[in-house]
Amino acid sequence: MANNGQSMAGLSANSLFYNATTAIAMLVGRFGLAALALALAGRFAAQGRRPTTAATLPSDSPLFGALVFGTILLLPALALGPIAGGIAALRSGCGSKWMP
């Protein structure tokens, strides 16, 4: 949605069909996502505040900061670990056992 899609070689996109569908795709890409974000924000704003209970984690505590910082450090390692393991297996020659 960020470009008009006319960078493909040999495509003559100056026709009514391509101009209309490109305009629709660009409008949906620009305003459709903004409308969804505003609808989600409106639902959150309409919820109101919940009472504080023993299960509430305050967001102004050092524990909350440590949990956020730990998540920022841990999630990329969990996501990239299997990818790095697969690349290492391919480089060592034993990757053909699990790759078709």
PDB file of N, CA and C in Angstrom:
ATOM      1  N   MET A   1       0.811  -1.202   0.000  1.00  0.00           N
ATOM      2  CA  MET A   1       0.000   0.000   0.000  1.00  0.00           C
ATOM      3  C   MET A   1       0.849   1.258   0.000  1.00  0.00           C
ATOM      4  N   ALA A   2       2.159   1.112   0.171  1.00  0.00           N
ATOM      5  CA  ALA A   2       2.991   2.287   0.280  1.00  0.00           C
ATOM      6  C   ALA A   2       3.373   2.876  -1.075  1.00  0.00           C
ATOM      7  N   ASN A   3       3.281   2.072  -2.130  1.00  0.00           N
ATOM      8  CA  ASN A   3       3.583   2.620  -3.446  1.00  0.00           C
ATOM      9  C   ASN A   3       2.413   2.323  -4.380  1.00  0.00           C
ATOM     10  N   ASN A   4       2.508   2.766  -5.606  1.00  0.00           N
ATOM     11  CA  ASN A   4       1.387   2.561  -6.508  1.00  0.00           C
ATOM     12  C   ASN A   4       1.520   1.293  -7.339  1.00  0.00           C
ATOM     13  N   GLY A   5       2.559   0.494  -7.149  1.00  0.00           N
ATOM     14  CA  GLY A   5       2.680  -0.792  -7.791  1.00  0.00           C
ATOM     15  C   GLY A   5       3.046  -0.738  -9.250  1.00  0.00           C
ATOM     16  N   GLN A   6       3.441   0.392  -9.766  1.00  0.00           N
ATOM     17  CA  GLN A   6       3.739   0.505 -11.180  1.00  0.00           C
ATOM     18  C   GLN A   6       5.216   0.342 -11.469  1.00  0.00           C
ATOM     19  N   SER A   7       5.967  -0.192 -10.539  1.00  0.00           N
ATOM     20  CA  SER A   7       7.392  -0.342 -10.756  1.00  0.00           C
ATOM     21  C   SER A   7       7.741  -1.684 -11.388  1.00  0.00           C
ATOM     22  N   MET A   8       6.748  -2.500 -11.721  1.00  0.00           N
ATOM     23  CA  MET A   8       7.033  -3.768 -12.381  1.00  0.00           C
ATOM     24  C   MET A   8       7.376  -3.500 -13.846  1.00  0.00           C
ATOM     25  N   ALA A   9       8.384  -4.162 -14.313  1.00  0.00           N
ATOM     26  CA  ALA A   9       8.870  -3.912 -15.669  1.00  0.00           C
ATOM     27  C   ALA A   9       7.852  -4.381 -16.699  1.00  0.00           C
ATOM     28  N   GLY A  10       7.570  -3.558 -17.656  1.00  0.00           N
ATOM     29  CA  GLY A  10       6.696  -3.926 -18.754  1.00  0.00           C
ATOM     30  C   GLY A  10       5.220  -3.772 -18.478  1.00  0.00           C
ATOM     31  N   LEU A  11       4.832  -3.300 -17.310  1.00  0.00           N
ATOM     32  CA  LEU A  11       3.408  -3.161 -17.009  1.00  0.00           C
ATOM     33  C   LEU A  11       2.949  -1.766 -17.409  1.00  0.00           C
ATOM     34  N   SER A  12       2.056  -1.718 -18.342  1.00  0.00           N
ATOM     35  CA  SER A  12       1.477  -0.444 -18.733  1.00  0.00           C
ATOM     36  C   SER A  12       0.232  -0.226 -17.884  1.00  0.00           C
ATOM     37  N   ALA A  13       0.392   0.491 -16.798  1.00  0.00           N
ATOM     38  CA  ALA A  13      -0.670   0.608 -15.811  1.00  0.00           C
ATOM     39  C   ALA A  13      -1.534   1.851 -16.004  1.00  0.00           C
ATOM     40  N   ASN A  14      -1.446   2.503 -17.140  1.00  0.00           N
ATOM     41  CA  ASN A  14      -2.249   3.699 -17.360  1.00  0.00           C
ATOM     42  C   ASN A  14      -3.554   3.329 -18.054  1.00  0.00           C
ATOM     43  N   SER A  15      -4.371   2.571 -17.319  1.00  0.00           N
ATOM     44  CA  SER A  15      -5.697   2.216 -17.817  1.00  0.00           C
ATOM     45  C   SER A  15      -6.704   2.498 -16.715  1.00  0.00           C
ATOM     46  N   LEU A  16      -7.960   2.505 -17.068  1.00  0.00           N
ATOM     47  CA  LEU A  16      -9.005   2.800 -16.090  1.00  0.00           C
ATOM     48  C   LEU A  16      -9.001   1.779 -14.951  1.00  0.00           C
ATOM     49  N   PHE A  17      -8.839   0.502 -15.284  1.00  0.00           N
ATOM     50  CA  PHE A  17      -8.855  -0.543 -14.262  1.00  0.00           C
ATOM     51  C   PHE A  17      -7.710  -0.355 -13.273  1.00  0.00           C
ATOM     52  N   TYR A  18      -6.480  -0.201 -13.771  1.00  0.00           N
ATOM     53  CA  TYR A  18      -5.331  -0.064 -12.882  1.00  0.00           C
ATOM     54  C   TYR A  18      -5.382   1.237 -12.086  1.00  0.00           C
ATOM     55  N   ASN A  19      -5.824   2.305 -12.705  1.00  0.00           N
ATOM     56  CA  ASN A  19      -5.914   3.569 -11.973  1.00  0.00           C
ATOM     57  C   ASN A  19      -6.942   3.487 -10.848  1.00  0.00           C
ATOM     58  N   ALA A  20      -8.101   2.864 -11.109  1.00  0.00           N
ATOM     59  CA  ALA A  20      -9.147   2.757 -10.085  1.00  0.00           C
ATOM     60  C   ALA A  20      -8.737   1.820  -8.956  1.00  0.00           C
ATOM     61  N   THR A  21      -8.204   0.640  -9.295  1.00  0.00           N
ATOM     62  CA  THR A  21      -7.843  -0.311  -8.248  1.00  0.00           C
ATOM     63  C   THR A  21      -6.643   0.171  -7.434  1.00  0.00           C
ATOM     64  N   THR A  22      -5.717   0.883  -8.076  1.00  0.00           N
ATOM     65  CA  THR A  22      -4.591   1.445  -7.334  1.00  0.00           C
ATOM     66  C   THR A  22      -5.071   2.517  -6.368  1.00  0.00           C
ATOM     67  N   ALA A  23      -5.997   3.353  -6.810  1.00  0.00           N
ATOM     68  CA  ALA A  23      -6.527   4.391  -5.919  1.00  0.00           C
ATOM     69  C   ALA A  23      -7.268   3.779  -4.740  1.00  0.00           C
ATOM     70  N   ILE A  24      -8.040   2.740  -4.988  1.00  0.00           N
ATOM     71  CA  ILE A  24      -8.776   2.082  -3.896  1.00  0.00           C
ATOM     72  C   ILE A  24      -7.799   1.439  -2.914  1.00  0.00           C
ATOM     73  N   ALA A  25      -6.782   0.757  -3.445  1.00  0.00           N
ATOM     74  CA  ALA A  25      -5.809   0.102  -2.569  1.00  0.00           C
ATOM     75  C   ALA A  25      -5.056   1.130  -1.723  1.00  0.00           C
ATOM     76  N   MET A  26      -4.711   2.258  -2.319  1.00  0.00           N
ATOM     77  CA  MET A  26      -3.990   3.285  -1.562  1.00  0.00           C
ATOM     78  C   MET A  26      -4.885   3.918  -0.496  1.00  0.00           C
ATOM     79  N   LEU A  27      -6.155   4.146  -0.806  1.00  0.00           N
ATOM     80  CA  LEU A  27      -7.063   4.716   0.185  1.00  0.00           C
ATOM     81  C   LEU A  27      -7.318   3.755   1.341  1.00  0.00           C
ATOM     82  N   VAL A  28      -7.532   2.481   1.010  1.00  0.00           N
ATOM     83  CA  VAL A  28      -7.759   1.491   2.064  1.00  0.00           C
ATOM     84  C   VAL A  28      -6.503   1.336   2.914  1.00  0.00           C
ATOM     85  N   GLY A  29      -5.343   1.327   2.276  1.00  0.00           N
ATOM     86  CA  GLY A  29      -4.099   1.198   3.025  1.00  0.00           C
ATOM     87  C   GLY A  29      -3.835   2.380   3.925  1.00  0.00           C
ATOM     88  N   ARG A  30      -4.236   3.556   3.515  1.00  0.00           N
ATOM     89  CA  ARG A  30      -3.975   4.756   4.317  1.00  0.00           C
ATOM     90  C   ARG A  30      -5.048   4.950   5.387  1.00  0.00           C
ATOM     91  N   PHE A  31      -6.313   4.952   4.978  1.00  0.00           N
ATOM     92  CA  PHE A  31      -7.390   5.308   5.908  1.00  0.00           C
ATOM     93  C   PHE A  31      -8.039   4.102   6.569  1.00  0.00           C
ATOM     94  N   GLY A  32      -7.956   2.938   5.940  1.00  0.00           N
ATOM     95  CA  GLY A  32      -8.546   1.738   6.544  1.00  0.00           C
ATOM     96  C   GLY A  32      -7.864   1.357   7.843  1.00  0.00           C
ATOM     97  N   LEU A  33      -6.532   1.368   7.842  1.00  0.00           N
ATOM     98  CA  LEU A  33      -5.802   1.036   9.060  1.00  0.00           C
ATOM     99  C   LEU A  33      -5.994   2.096  10.136  1.00  0.00           C
ATOM    100  N   ALA A  34      -6.082   3.359   9.726  1.00  0.00           N
ATOM    101  CA  ALA A  34      -6.316   4.421  10.708  1.00  0.00           C
ATOM    102  C   ALA A  34      -7.701   4.275  11.330  1.00  0.00           C
ATOM    103  N   ALA A  35      -8.696   3.913  10.536  1.00  0.00           N
ATOM    104  CA  ALA A  35     -10.045   3.728  11.069  1.00  0.00           C
ATOM    105  C   ALA A  35     -10.091   2.568  12.057  1.00  0.00           C
ATOM    106  N   LEU A  36      -9.380   1.481  11.750  1.00  0.00           N
ATOM    107  CA  LEU A  36      -9.338   0.354  12.687  1.00  0.00           C
ATOM    108  C   LEU A  36      -8.643   0.741  13.990  1.00  0.00           C
ATOM    109  N   ALA A  37      -7.559   1.503  13.896  1.00  0.00           N
ATOM    110  CA  ALA A  37      -6.851   1.942  15.110  1.00  0.00           C
ATOM    111  C   ALA A  37      -7.731   2.865  15.947  1.00  0.00           C
ATOM    112  N   LEU A  38      -8.473   3.770  15.302  1.00  0.00           N
ATOM    113  CA  LEU A  38      -9.370   4.656  16.047  1.00  0.00           C
ATOM    114  C   LEU A  38     -10.525   3.895  16.676  1.00  0.00           C
ATOM    115  N   ALA A  39     -11.041   2.880  15.982  1.00  0.00           N
ATOM    116  CA  ALA A  39     -12.115   2.065  16.562  1.00  0.00           C
ATOM    117  C   ALA A  39     -11.618   1.309  17.792  1.00  0.00           C
ATOM    118  N   LEU A  40     -10.407   0.778  17.723  1.00  0.00           N
ATOM    119  CA  LEU A  40      -9.839   0.083  18.876  1.00  0.00           C
ATOM    120  C   LEU A  40      -9.603   1.051  20.036  1.00  0.00           C
ATOM    121  N   ALA A  41      -9.107   2.249  19.738  1.00  0.00           N
ATOM    122  CA  ALA A  41      -8.899   3.251  20.783  1.00  0.00           C
ATOM    123  C   ALA A  41     -10.222   3.671  21.408  1.00  0.00           C
ATOM    124  N   GLY A  42     -11.263   3.777  20.609  1.00  0.00           N
ATOM    125  CA  GLY A  42     -12.575   4.129  21.138  1.00  0.00           C
ATOM    126  C   GLY A  42     -13.130   3.063  22.071  1.00  0.00           C
ATOM    127  N   ARG A  43     -12.903   1.800  21.720  1.00  0.00           N
ATOM    128  CA  ARG A  43     -13.355   0.712  22.603  1.00  0.00           C
ATOM    129  C   ARG A  43     -12.596   0.728  23.928  1.00  0.00           C
ATOM    130  N   PHE A  44     -11.293   0.992  23.855  1.00  0.00           N
ATOM    131  CA  PHE A  44     -10.524   1.079  25.093  1.00  0.00           C
ATOM    132  C   PHE A  44     -10.972   2.268  25.935  1.00  0.00           C
ATOM    133  N   ALA A  45     -11.263   3.392  25.311  1.00  0.00           N
ATOM    134  CA  ALA A  45     -11.675   4.581  26.051  1.00  0.00           C
ATOM    135  C   ALA A  45     -13.040   4.388  26.694  1.00  0.00           C
ATOM    136  N   ALA A  46     -13.918   3.603  26.065  1.00  0.00           N
ATOM    137  CA  ALA A  46     -15.263   3.393  26.593  1.00  0.00           C
ATOM    138  C   ALA A  46     -15.295   2.403  27.754  1.00  0.00           C
ATOM    139  N   GLN A  47     -14.227   1.660  27.971  1.00  0.00           N
ATOM    140  CA  GLN A  47     -14.237   0.645  29.023  1.00  0.00           C
ATOM    141  C   GLN A  47     -14.261   1.237  30.419  1.00  0.00           C
ATOM    142  N   GLY A  48     -13.607   2.319  30.626  1.00  0.00           N
ATOM    143  CA  GLY A  48     -13.561   2.891  31.966  1.00  0.00           C
ATOM    144  C   GLY A  48     -12.477   2.245  32.801  1.00  0.00           C
ATOM    145  N   ARG A  49     -12.357   2.688  34.040  1.00  0.00           N
ATOM    146  CA  ARG A  49     -11.321   2.174  34.930  1.00  0.00           C
ATOM    147  C   ARG A  49     -11.829   0.987  35.719  1.00  0.00           C
ATOM    148  N   ARG A  50     -10.942   0.074  35.978  1.00  0.00           N
ATOM    149  CA  ARG A  50     -11.250  -1.094  36.793  1.00  0.00           C
ATOM    150  C   ARG A  50     -10.718  -0.844  38.204  1.00  0.00           C
ATOM    151  N   PRO A  51     -11.356  -1.391  39.205  1.00  0.00           N
ATOM    152  CA  PRO A  51     -10.843  -1.212  40.562  1.00  0.00           C
ATOM    153  C   PRO A  51      -9.539  -1.988  40.769  1.00  0.00           C
ATOM    154  N   THR A  52      -8.684  -1.464  41.607  1.00  0.00           N
ATOM    155  CA  THR A  52      -7.411  -2.113  41.913  1.00  0.00           C
ATOM    156  C   THR A  52      -7.655  -3.291  42.840  1.00  0.00           C
ATOM    157  N   THR A  53      -7.089  -4.444  42.468  1.00  0.00           N
ATOM    158  CA  THR A  53      -7.227  -5.661  43.279  1.00  0.00           C
ATOM    159  C   THR A  53      -5.840  -6.209  43.567  1.00  0.00           C
ATOM    160  N   ALA A  54      -5.795  -7.361  44.230  1.00  0.00           N
ATOM    161  CA  ALA A  54      -4.508  -7.992  44.531  1.00  0.00           C
ATOM    162  C   ALA A  54      -3.833  -8.503  43.267  1.00  0.00           C
ATOM    163  N   ALA A  55      -4.572  -8.751  42.211  1.00  0.00           N
ATOM    164  CA  ALA A  55      -4.013  -9.267  40.962  1.00  0.00           C
ATOM    165  C   ALA A  55      -3.590  -8.157  40.002  1.00  0.00           C
ATOM    166  N   THR A  56      -3.686  -6.899  40.418  1.00  0.00           N
ATOM    167  CA  THR A  56      -3.328  -5.777  39.552  1.00  0.00           C
ATOM    168  C   THR A  56      -1.839  -5.493  39.657  1.00  0.00           C
ATOM    169  N   LEU A  57      -1.185  -5.353  38.512  1.00  0.00           N
ATOM    170  CA  LEU A  57       0.226  -4.998  38.492  1.00  0.00           C
ATOM    171  C   LEU A  57       0.331  -3.524  38.143  1.00  0.00           C
ATOM    172  N   PRO A  58       0.751  -2.687  39.087  1.00  0.00           N
ATOM    173  CA  PRO A  58       0.849  -1.257  38.788  1.00  0.00           C
ATOM    174  C   PRO A  58       1.952  -0.999  37.765  1.00  0.00           C
ATOM    175  N   SER A  59       1.681  -0.080  36.858  1.00  0.00           N
ATOM    176  CA  SER A  59       2.644   0.189  35.782  1.00  0.00           C
ATOM    177  C   SER A  59       3.694   1.223  36.175  1.00  0.00           C
ATOM    178  N   ASP A  60       3.689   1.681  37.397  1.00  0.00           N
ATOM    179  CA  ASP A  60       4.706   2.637  37.853  1.00  0.00           C
ATOM    180  C   ASP A  60       5.649   2.011  38.872  1.00  0.00           C
ATOM    181  N   SER A  61       5.795   0.687  38.831  1.00  0.00           N
ATOM    182  CA  SER A  61       6.652   0.003  39.796  1.00  0.00           C
ATOM    183  C   SER A  61       7.915  -0.521  39.097  1.00  0.00           C
ATOM    184  N   PRO A  62       8.967  -0.754  39.864  1.00  0.00           N
ATOM    185  CA  PRO A  62      10.181  -1.342  39.279  1.00  0.00           C
ATOM    186  C   PRO A  62       9.953  -2.745  38.723  1.00  0.00           C
ATOM    187  N   LEU A  63       9.025  -3.485  39.318  1.00  0.00           N
ATOM    188  CA  LEU A  63       8.727  -4.828  38.821  1.00  0.00           C
ATOM    189  C   LEU A  63       8.161  -4.770  37.400  1.00  0.00           C
ATOM    190  N   PHE A  64       7.276  -3.842  37.143  1.00  0.00           N
ATOM    191  CA  PHE A  64       6.713  -3.689  35.800  1.00  0.00           C
ATOM    192  C   PHE A  64       7.807  -3.310  34.803  1.00  0.00           C
ATOM    193  N   GLY A  65       8.688  -2.396  35.192  1.00  0.00           N
ATOM    194  CA  GLY A  65       9.794  -2.003  34.323  1.00  0.00           C
ATOM    195  C   GLY A  65      10.715  -3.172  34.015  1.00  0.00           C
ATOM    196  N   ALA A  66      10.996  -3.996  35.033  1.00  0.00           N
ATOM    197  CA  ALA A  66      11.858  -5.163  34.817  1.00  0.00           C
ATOM    198  C   ALA A  66      11.187  -6.177  33.898  1.00  0.00           C
ATOM    199  N   LEU A  67       9.892  -6.366  34.046  1.00  0.00           N
ATOM    200  CA  LEU A  67       9.177  -7.294  33.171  1.00  0.00           C
ATOM    201  C   LEU A  67       9.155  -6.810  31.725  1.00  0.00           C
ATOM    202  N   VAL A  68       8.951  -5.524  31.525  1.00  0.00           N
ATOM    203  CA  VAL A  68       8.956  -4.975  30.158  1.00  0.00           C
ATOM    204  C   VAL A  68      10.352  -5.090  29.557  1.00  0.00           C
ATOM    205  N   PHE A  69      11.375  -4.733  30.317  1.00  0.00           N
ATOM    206  CA  PHE A  69      12.750  -4.819  29.830  1.00  0.00           C
ATOM    207  C   PHE A  69      13.136  -6.265  29.528  1.00  0.00           C
ATOM    208  N   GLY A  70      12.748  -7.193  30.380  1.00  0.00           N
ATOM    209  CA  GLY A  70      13.031  -8.607  30.143  1.00  0.00           C
ATOM    210  C   GLY A  70      12.325  -9.140  28.913  1.00  0.00           C
ATOM    211  N   THR A  71      11.097  -8.686  28.685  1.00  0.00           N
ATOM    212  CA  THR A  71      10.367  -9.104  27.491  1.00  0.00           C
ATOM    213  C   THR A  71      11.035  -8.578  26.231  1.00  0.00           C
ATOM    214  N   ILE A  72      11.503  -7.350  26.278  1.00  0.00           N
ATOM    215  CA  ILE A  72      12.188  -6.768  25.118  1.00  0.00           C
ATOM    216  C   ILE A  72      13.454  -7.556  24.795  1.00  0.00           C
ATOM    217  N   LEU A  73      14.158  -8.035  25.806  1.00  0.00           N
ATOM    218  CA  LEU A  73      15.375  -8.811  25.573  1.00  0.00           C
ATOM    219  C   LEU A  73      15.088 -10.258  25.199  1.00  0.00           C
ATOM    220  N   LEU A  74      14.031 -10.845  25.747  1.00  0.00           N
ATOM    221  CA  LEU A  74      13.778 -12.274  25.585  1.00  0.00           C
ATOM    222  C   LEU A  74      13.061 -12.616  24.282  1.00  0.00           C
ATOM    223  N   LEU A  75      12.119 -11.814  23.843  1.00  0.00           N
ATOM    224  CA  LEU A  75      11.328 -12.164  22.666  1.00  0.00           C
ATOM    225  C   LEU A  75      12.147 -12.292  21.385  1.00  0.00           C
ATOM    226  N   PRO A  76      13.075 -11.398  21.090  1.00  0.00           N
ATOM    227  CA  PRO A  76      13.872 -11.621  19.870  1.00  0.00           C
ATOM    228  C   PRO A  76      14.705 -12.891  19.936  1.00  0.00           C
ATOM    229  N   ALA A  77      15.221 -13.235  21.107  1.00  0.00           N
ATOM    230  CA  ALA A  77      16.007 -14.458  21.233  1.00  0.00           C
ATOM    231  C   ALA A  77      15.131 -15.684  21.005  1.00  0.00           C
ATOM    232  N   LEU A  78      13.907 -15.662  21.514  1.00  0.00           N
ATOM    233  CA  LEU A  78      13.006 -16.799  21.310  1.00  0.00           C
ATOM    234  C   LEU A  78      12.566 -16.917  19.859  1.00  0.00           C
ATOM    235  N   ALA A  79      12.415 -15.785  19.183  1.00  0.00           N
ATOM    236  CA  ALA A  79      11.974 -15.814  17.795  1.00  0.00           C
ATOM    237  C   ALA A  79      13.104 -16.182  16.846  1.00  0.00           C
ATOM    238  N   LEU A  80      14.316 -15.684  17.112  1.00  0.00           N
ATOM    239  CA  LEU A  80      15.429 -15.906  16.196  1.00  0.00           C
ATOM    240  C   LEU A  80      16.233 -17.159  16.514  1.00  0.00           C
ATOM    241  N   GLY A  81      16.054 -17.748  17.684  1.00  0.00           N
ATOM    242  CA  GLY A  81      16.792 -18.953  18.049  1.00  0.00           C
ATOM    243  C   GLY A  81      16.569 -20.116  17.107  1.00  0.00           C
ATOM    244  N   PRO A  82      15.333 -20.499  16.807  1.00  0.00           N
ATOM    245  CA  PRO A  82      15.115 -21.601  15.858  1.00  0.00           C
ATOM    246  C   PRO A  82      15.632 -21.295  14.457  1.00  0.00           C
ATOM    247  N   ILE A  83      15.568 -20.046  14.041  1.00  0.00           N
ATOM    248  CA  ILE A  83      16.084 -19.681  12.717  1.00  0.00           C
ATOM    249  C   ILE A  83      17.598 -19.847  12.691  1.00  0.00           C
ATOM    250  N   ALA A  84      18.275 -19.371  13.724  1.00  0.00           N
ATOM    251  CA  ALA A  84      19.730 -19.520  13.798  1.00  0.00           C
ATOM    252  C   ALA A  84      20.125 -20.992  13.894  1.00  0.00           C
ATOM    253  N   GLY A  85      19.352 -21.789  14.605  1.00  0.00           N
ATOM    254  CA  GLY A  85      19.636 -23.223  14.690  1.00  0.00           C
ATOM    255  C   GLY A  85      19.490 -23.915  13.354  1.00  0.00           C
ATOM    256  N   GLY A  86      18.487 -23.527  12.587  1.00  0.00           N
ATOM    257  CA  GLY A  86      18.308 -24.106  11.253  1.00  0.00           C
ATOM    258  C   GLY A  86      19.433 -23.739  10.317  1.00  0.00           C
ATOM    259  N   ILE A  87      19.874 -22.483  10.380  1.00  0.00           N
ATOM    260  CA  ILE A  87      20.991 -22.051   9.534  1.00  0.00           C
ATOM    261  C   ILE A  87      22.270 -22.790   9.935  1.00  0.00           C
ATOM    262  N   ALA A  88      22.493 -22.959  11.240  1.00  0.00           N
ATOM    263  CA  ALA A  88      23.678 -23.680  11.698  1.00  0.00           C
ATOM    264  C   ALA A  88      23.627 -25.139  11.258  1.00  0.00           C
ATOM    265  N   ALA A  89      22.435 -25.744  11.280  1.00  0.00           N
ATOM    266  CA  ALA A  89      22.298 -27.128  10.839  1.00  0.00           C
ATOM    267  C   ALA A  89      22.561 -27.252   9.347  1.00  0.00           C
ATOM    268  N   LEU A  90      22.125 -26.290   8.570  1.00  0.00           N
ATOM    269  CA  LEU A  90      22.387 -26.324   7.132  1.00  0.00           C
ATOM    270  C   LEU A  90      23.871 -26.163   6.838  1.00  0.00           C
ATOM    271  N   ARG A  91      24.542 -25.304   7.592  1.00  0.00           N
ATOM    272  CA  ARG A  91      25.969 -25.068   7.362  1.00  0.00           C
ATOM    273  C   ARG A  91      26.817 -26.271   7.751  1.00  0.00           C
ATOM    274  N   SER A  92      26.365 -27.043   8.749  1.00  0.00           N
ATOM    275  CA  SER A  92      27.157 -28.187   9.185  1.00  0.00           C
ATOM    276  C   SER A  92      26.892 -29.431   8.346  1.00  0.00           C
ATOM    277  N   GLY A  93      25.914 -29.364   7.451  1.00  0.00           N
ATOM    278  CA  GLY A  93      25.652 -30.495   6.575  1.00  0.00           C
ATOM    279  C   GLY A  93      24.608 -31.452   7.082  1.00  0.00           C
ATOM    280  N   CYS A  94      24.088 -31.264   8.267  1.00  0.00           N
ATOM    281  CA  CYS A  94      23.069 -32.175   8.773  1.00  0.00           C
ATOM    282  C   CYS A  94      21.663 -31.620   8.588  1.00  0.00           C
ATOM    283  N   GLY A  95      21.539 -30.585   7.805  1.00  0.00           N
ATOM    284  CA  GLY A  95      20.232 -29.996   7.591  1.00  0.00           C
ATOM    285  C   GLY A  95      19.373 -30.744   6.602  1.00  0.00           C
ATOM    286  N   SER A  96      19.961 -31.647   5.832  1.00  0.00           N
ATOM    287  CA  SER A  96      19.191 -32.362   4.825  1.00  0.00           C
ATOM    288  C   SER A  96      18.232 -33.364   5.453  1.00  0.00           C
ATOM    289  N   LYS A  97      18.378 -33.674   6.729  1.00  0.00           N
ATOM    290  CA  LYS A  97      17.492 -34.635   7.387  1.00  0.00           C
ATOM    291  C   LYS A  97      16.111 -34.053   7.639  1.00  0.00           C
ATOM    292  N   TRP A  98      16.035 -32.734   7.854  1.00  0.00           N
ATOM    293  CA  TRP A  98      14.737 -32.135   8.143  1.00  0.00           C
ATOM    294  C   TRP A  98      14.242 -31.257   7.017  1.00  0.00           C
ATOM    295  N   MET A  99      15.061 -30.977   6.030  1.00  0.00           N
ATOM    296  CA  MET A  99      14.623 -30.178   4.883  1.00  0.00           C
ATOM    297  C   MET A  99      14.253 -31.131   3.746  1.00  0.00           C
ATOM    298  N   PRO A 100      13.155 -30.892   3.055  1.00  0.00           N
ATOM    299  CA  PRO A 100      12.797 -31.788   1.944  1.00  0.00           C
ATOM    300  C   PRO A 100      13.701 -31.589   0.736  1.00  0.00           C
TER     301      PRO A 100
END
